[in-house]
Amino acid sequence: MYTRILVAVDGSHTSRRAFEAALALAKSTGAVMQPLYVVENTPMYFEAPGYDPSILRNRLVEEGKELCAEFAVAMAAQGVKGELIVGEASSLDDVSAVVLKAAADFNADLLVMGTHGRRGFQRLILGSVAERCVRQATLPVLLIPSAAGKVSEDA
């Protein structure tokens, strides 16, 4: 039985499905849940006149706070307790490292995440965040596919 569930969210359709799955599981087991939104600071390899990376970073932080507020309402409606946090990746700690550290800090006994998020270009180069988490995790990881809950047209 799970008592502490960390769910990684990024605002994508798949991460919302992961949140819903984690919420249902937390409600049925009485677990505490911690949604985590990670701001990815993508390095810029070119110089652009007038480019200010803080504008994008600040918008991503704001999006994380908006998701946290939305998810707090959903958790309260289901009677699920938990703290919602926004983390930040850096050149030293990529998104998967931040997720796994947050799971360890929360003492999570389950990590829930979607198989495809908003990091498509990076996936082509480095492998997906979900794949890296699965490979490096010391706790069970529940992956929710992007097609979860969809009804097949052939059915």
C-alpha atoms as a PDB file:
ATOM      1  CA  MET A   1       0.000   0.000   0.000  1.00  0.00           C
ATOM      2  CA  TYR A   2       1.301   3.425  -0.904  1.00  0.00           C
ATOM      3  CA  THR A   3       1.336   6.179   1.706  1.00  0.00           C
ATOM      4  CA  ARG A   4       3.312   8.923  -0.071  1.00  0.00           C
ATOM      5  CA  ILE A   5       2.865   9.536  -3.810  1.00  0.00           C
ATOM      6  CA  LEU A   6       4.868  12.054  -5.824  1.00  0.00           C
ATOM      7  CA  VAL A   7       3.426  12.943  -9.237  1.00  0.00           C
ATOM      8  CA  ALA A   8       5.476  14.876 -11.796  1.00  0.00           C
ATOM      9  CA  VAL A   9       3.395  17.337 -13.819  1.00  0.00           C
ATOM     10  CA  ASP A  10       4.222  19.772 -16.620  1.00  0.00           C
ATOM     11  CA  GLY A  11       0.814  20.904 -17.807  1.00  0.00           C
ATOM     12  CA  SER A  12       0.723  18.513 -20.767  1.00  0.00           C
ATOM     13  CA  HIS A  13      -2.290  16.310 -21.466  1.00  0.00           C
ATOM     14  CA  THR A  14      -0.339  13.220 -20.427  1.00  0.00           C
ATOM     15  CA  SER A  15       0.842  14.717 -17.142  1.00  0.00           C
ATOM     16  CA  ARG A  16      -2.752  15.673 -16.344  1.00  0.00           C
ATOM     17  CA  ARG A  17      -3.677  12.005 -16.845  1.00  0.00           C
ATOM     18  CA  ALA A  18      -0.829  11.074 -14.506  1.00  0.00           C
ATOM     19  CA  PHE A  19      -2.167  13.542 -11.922  1.00  0.00           C
ATOM     20  CA  GLU A  20      -5.665  12.070 -12.208  1.00  0.00           C
ATOM     21  CA  ALA A  21      -4.311   8.518 -11.785  1.00  0.00           C
ATOM     22  CA  ALA A  22      -2.215   9.544  -8.768  1.00  0.00           C
ATOM     23  CA  LEU A  23      -5.191  11.381  -7.272  1.00  0.00           C
ATOM     24  CA  ALA A  24      -7.452   8.329  -7.612  1.00  0.00           C
ATOM     25  CA  LEU A  25      -4.774   6.093  -6.107  1.00  0.00           C
ATOM     26  CA  ALA A  26      -4.122   8.513  -3.228  1.00  0.00           C
ATOM     27  CA  LYS A  27      -7.823   8.768  -2.492  1.00  0.00           C
ATOM     28  CA  SER A  28      -8.326   4.990  -2.491  1.00  0.00           C
ATOM     29  CA  THR A  29      -5.292   4.282  -0.281  1.00  0.00           C
ATOM     30  CA  GLY A  30      -5.391   7.373   1.935  1.00  0.00           C
ATOM     31  CA  ALA A  31      -1.953   8.416   0.711  1.00  0.00           C
ATOM     32  CA  VAL A  32      -0.490  11.887   0.912  1.00  0.00           C
ATOM     33  CA  MET A  33       0.252  13.237  -2.551  1.00  0.00           C
ATOM     34  CA  GLN A  34       2.816  15.764  -3.741  1.00  0.00           C
ATOM     35  CA  PRO A  35       2.461  17.152  -7.259  1.00  0.00           C
ATOM     36  CA  LEU A  36       5.776  18.496  -8.556  1.00  0.00           C
ATOM     37  CA  TYR A  37       6.233  20.931 -11.429  1.00  0.00           C
ATOM     38  CA  VAL A  38       9.813  21.383 -12.625  1.00  0.00           C
ATOM     39  CA  VAL A  39      10.924  24.517 -14.445  1.00  0.00           C
ATOM     40  CA  GLU A  40      13.464  23.542 -17.074  1.00  0.00           C
ATOM     41  CA  ASN A  41      16.153  26.135 -17.711  1.00  0.00           C
ATOM     42  CA  THR A  42      17.117  25.225 -21.258  1.00  0.00           C
ATOM     43  CA  PRO A  43      20.531  26.626 -22.140  1.00  0.00           C
ATOM     44  CA  MET A  44      20.603  28.945 -25.095  1.00  0.00           C
ATOM     45  CA  TYR A  45      23.405  28.247 -27.549  1.00  0.00           C
ATOM     46  CA  PHE A  46      23.050  31.424 -29.529  1.00  0.00           C
ATOM     47  CA  GLU A  47      23.057  35.099 -28.822  1.00  0.00           C
ATOM     48  CA  ALA A  48      20.024  37.079 -29.766  1.00  0.00           C
ATOM     49  CA  PRO A  49      19.888  40.840 -29.352  1.00  0.00           C
ATOM     50  CA  GLY A  50      17.360  41.761 -26.718  1.00  0.00           C
ATOM     51  CA  TYR A  51      16.762  38.167 -25.613  1.00  0.00           C
ATOM     52  CA  ASP A  52      15.975  37.957 -21.911  1.00  0.00           C
ATOM     53  CA  PRO A  53      15.755  34.333 -20.670  1.00  0.00           C
ATOM     54  CA  SER A  54      14.205  35.482 -17.383  1.00  0.00           C
ATOM     55  CA  ILE A  55      10.930  36.249 -19.197  1.00  0.00           C
ATOM     56  CA  LEU A  56      10.487  32.591 -20.210  1.00  0.00           C
ATOM     57  CA  ARG A  57      11.683  31.302 -16.833  1.00  0.00           C
ATOM     58  CA  ASN A  58       9.284  33.601 -14.956  1.00  0.00           C
ATOM     59  CA  ARG A  59       6.396  32.487 -17.165  1.00  0.00           C
ATOM     60  CA  LEU A  60       7.204  28.822 -16.505  1.00  0.00           C
ATOM     61  CA  VAL A  61       7.330  29.468 -12.750  1.00  0.00           C
ATOM     62  CA  GLU A  62       3.972  31.217 -13.009  1.00  0.00           C
ATOM     63  CA  GLU A  63       2.525  28.281 -14.984  1.00  0.00           C
ATOM     64  CA  GLY A  64       3.747  25.946 -12.241  1.00  0.00           C
ATOM     65  CA  LYS A  65       2.018  28.031  -9.580  1.00  0.00           C
ATOM     66  CA  GLU A  66      -1.200  28.060 -11.634  1.00  0.00           C
ATOM     67  CA  LEU A  67      -1.100  24.271 -11.980  1.00  0.00           C
ATOM     68  CA  CYS A  68      -0.428  23.905  -8.276  1.00  0.00           C
ATOM     69  CA  ALA A  69      -3.474  26.040  -7.451  1.00  0.00           C
ATOM     70  CA  GLU A  70      -5.650  24.045  -9.863  1.00  0.00           C
ATOM     71  CA  PHE A  71      -4.409  20.722  -8.500  1.00  0.00           C
ATOM     72  CA  ALA A  72      -4.824  21.877  -4.871  1.00  0.00           C
ATOM     73  CA  VAL A  73      -8.529  22.430  -5.565  1.00  0.00           C
ATOM     74  CA  ALA A  74      -8.852  18.957  -7.140  1.00  0.00           C
ATOM     75  CA  MET A  75      -7.016  17.334  -4.226  1.00  0.00           C
ATOM     76  CA  ALA A  76      -9.165  19.123  -1.643  1.00  0.00           C
ATOM     77  CA  ALA A  77     -12.340  18.089  -3.478  1.00  0.00           C
ATOM     78  CA  GLN A  78     -11.236  14.441  -3.215  1.00  0.00           C
ATOM     79  CA  GLY A  79     -10.063  14.768   0.397  1.00  0.00           C
ATOM     80  CA  VAL A  80      -6.440  14.064  -0.541  1.00  0.00           C
ATOM     81  CA  LYS A  81      -3.794  15.816   1.520  1.00  0.00           C
ATOM     82  CA  GLY A  82      -0.467  17.004   0.235  1.00  0.00           C
ATOM     83  CA  GLU A  83       1.913  19.808  -0.542  1.00  0.00           C
ATOM     84  CA  LEU A  84       2.308  21.149  -4.052  1.00  0.00           C
ATOM     85  CA  ILE A  85       5.788  22.312  -5.067  1.00  0.00           C
ATOM     86  CA  VAL A  86       7.631  23.919  -7.959  1.00  0.00           C
ATOM     87  CA  GLY A  87      11.213  22.789  -8.555  1.00  0.00           C
ATOM     88  CA  GLU A  88      13.838  24.126 -10.903  1.00  0.00           C
ATOM     89  CA  ALA A  89      16.250  22.214 -13.114  1.00  0.00           C
ATOM     90  CA  SER A  90      19.706  23.605 -13.839  1.00  0.00           C
ATOM     91  CA  SER A  91      22.748  22.753 -15.878  1.00  0.00           C
ATOM     92  CA  LEU A  92      23.859  20.532 -12.961  1.00  0.00           C
ATOM     93  CA  ASP A  93      20.514  18.889 -12.210  1.00  0.00           C
ATOM     94  CA  ASP A  94      18.302  17.983 -15.157  1.00  0.00           C
ATOM     95  CA  VAL A  95      14.552  17.468 -14.795  1.00  0.00           C
ATOM     96  CA  SER A  96      14.836  13.765 -13.939  1.00  0.00           C
ATOM     97  CA  ALA A  97      17.409  14.490 -11.206  1.00  0.00           C
ATOM     98  CA  VAL A  98      15.111  17.130  -9.703  1.00  0.00           C
ATOM     99  CA  VAL A  99      12.142  14.722  -9.805  1.00  0.00           C
ATOM    100  CA  LEU A 100      14.084  11.901  -8.150  1.00  0.00           C
ATOM    101  CA  LYS A 101      15.526  14.225  -5.493  1.00  0.00           C
ATOM    102  CA  ALA A 102      12.037  15.545  -4.732  1.00  0.00           C
ATOM    103  CA  ALA A 103      10.773  11.954  -4.402  1.00  0.00           C
ATOM    104  CA  ALA A 104      13.599  11.179  -1.959  1.00  0.00           C
ATOM    105  CA  ASP A 105      13.043  14.385   0.027  1.00  0.00           C
ATOM    106  CA  PHE A 106       9.304  13.613   0.231  1.00  0.00           C
ATOM    107  CA  ASN A 107      10.123  10.010   1.194  1.00  0.00           C
ATOM    108  CA  ALA A 108       7.746   8.904  -1.576  1.00  0.00           C
ATOM    109  CA  ASP A 109       7.000   5.239  -1.990  1.00  0.00           C
ATOM    110  CA  LEU A 110       5.582   5.719  -5.519  1.00  0.00           C
ATOM    111  CA  LEU A 111       6.437   8.075  -8.369  1.00  0.00           C
ATOM    112  CA  VAL A 112       3.727   8.697 -10.973  1.00  0.00           C
ATOM    113  CA  MET A 113       4.424  10.416 -14.286  1.00  0.00           C
ATOM    114  CA  GLY A 114       3.294  10.541 -17.877  1.00  0.00           C
ATOM    115  CA  THR A 115       5.286   8.892 -20.621  1.00  0.00           C
ATOM    116  CA  HIS A 116       5.319  11.990 -22.839  1.00  0.00           C
ATOM    117  CA  GLY A 117       5.396  15.572 -21.670  1.00  0.00           C
ATOM    118  CA  ARG A 118       6.448  18.876 -23.157  1.00  0.00           C
ATOM    119  CA  ARG A 119      10.086  18.054 -23.629  1.00  0.00           C
ATOM    120  CA  GLY A 120       9.936  16.496 -27.086  1.00  0.00           C
ATOM    121  CA  PHE A 121      13.096  18.007 -28.601  1.00  0.00           C
ATOM    122  CA  GLN A 122      15.207  17.054 -25.590  1.00  0.00           C
ATOM    123  CA  ARG A 123      13.827  13.520 -25.793  1.00  0.00           C
ATOM    124  CA  LEU A 124      15.324  13.147 -29.262  1.00  0.00           C
ATOM    125  CA  ILE A 125      18.763  14.083 -27.962  1.00  0.00           C
ATOM    126  CA  LEU A 126      18.936  12.795 -24.392  1.00  0.00           C
ATOM    127  CA  GLY A 127      16.116  10.322 -23.911  1.00  0.00           C
ATOM    128  CA  SER A 128      12.848  11.051 -22.143  1.00  0.00           C
ATOM    129  CA  VAL A 129      12.591  12.329 -18.587  1.00  0.00           C
ATOM    130  CA  ALA A 130      10.324   9.382 -17.762  1.00  0.00           C
ATOM    131  CA  GLU A 131      12.856   6.891 -19.112  1.00  0.00           C
ATOM    132  CA  ARG A 132      15.697   8.436 -17.105  1.00  0.00           C
ATOM    133  CA  CYS A 133      13.556   8.402 -13.952  1.00  0.00           C
ATOM    134  CA  VAL A 134      12.690   4.732 -14.432  1.00  0.00           C
ATOM    135  CA  ARG A 135      16.338   3.820 -14.981  1.00  0.00           C
ATOM    136  CA  GLN A 136      17.604   5.721 -11.944  1.00  0.00           C
ATOM    137  CA  ALA A 137      14.725   5.370  -9.476  1.00  0.00           C
ATOM    138  CA  THR A 138      14.995   3.444  -6.243  1.00  0.00           C
ATOM    139  CA  LEU A 139      11.226   3.413  -5.809  1.00  0.00           C
ATOM    140  CA  PRO A 140       8.382   2.058  -7.949  1.00  0.00           C
ATOM    141  CA  VAL A 141       7.445   4.258 -10.920  1.00  0.00           C
ATOM    142  CA  LEU A 142       3.964   4.192 -12.438  1.00  0.00           C
ATOM    143  CA  LEU A 143       4.013   5.464 -16.028  1.00  0.00           C
ATOM    144  CA  ILE A 144       0.773   6.719 -17.534  1.00  0.00           C
ATOM    145  CA  PRO A 145       0.838   6.560 -21.363  1.00  0.00           C
ATOM    146  CA  SER A 146      -0.377   9.447 -23.457  1.00  0.00           C
ATOM    147  CA  ALA A 147      -3.179   7.246 -24.821  1.00  0.00           C
ATOM    148  CA  ALA A 148      -4.421   6.213 -21.354  1.00  0.00           C
ATOM    149  CA  GLY A 149      -8.170   6.407 -21.167  1.00  0.00           C
ATOM    150  CA  LYS A 150      -8.669   6.848 -24.896  1.00  0.00           C
ATOM    151  CA  VAL A 151     -11.166   4.618 -26.625  1.00  0.00           C
ATOM    152  CA  SER A 152      -9.884   2.898 -29.729  1.00  0.00           C
ATOM    153  CA  GLU A 153     -11.723   3.690 -32.940  1.00  0.00           C
ATOM    154  CA  ASP A 154     -11.682  -0.029 -33.723  1.00  0.00           C
ATOM    155  CA  ALA A 155     -13.485  -0.960 -30.494  1.00  0.00           C
END
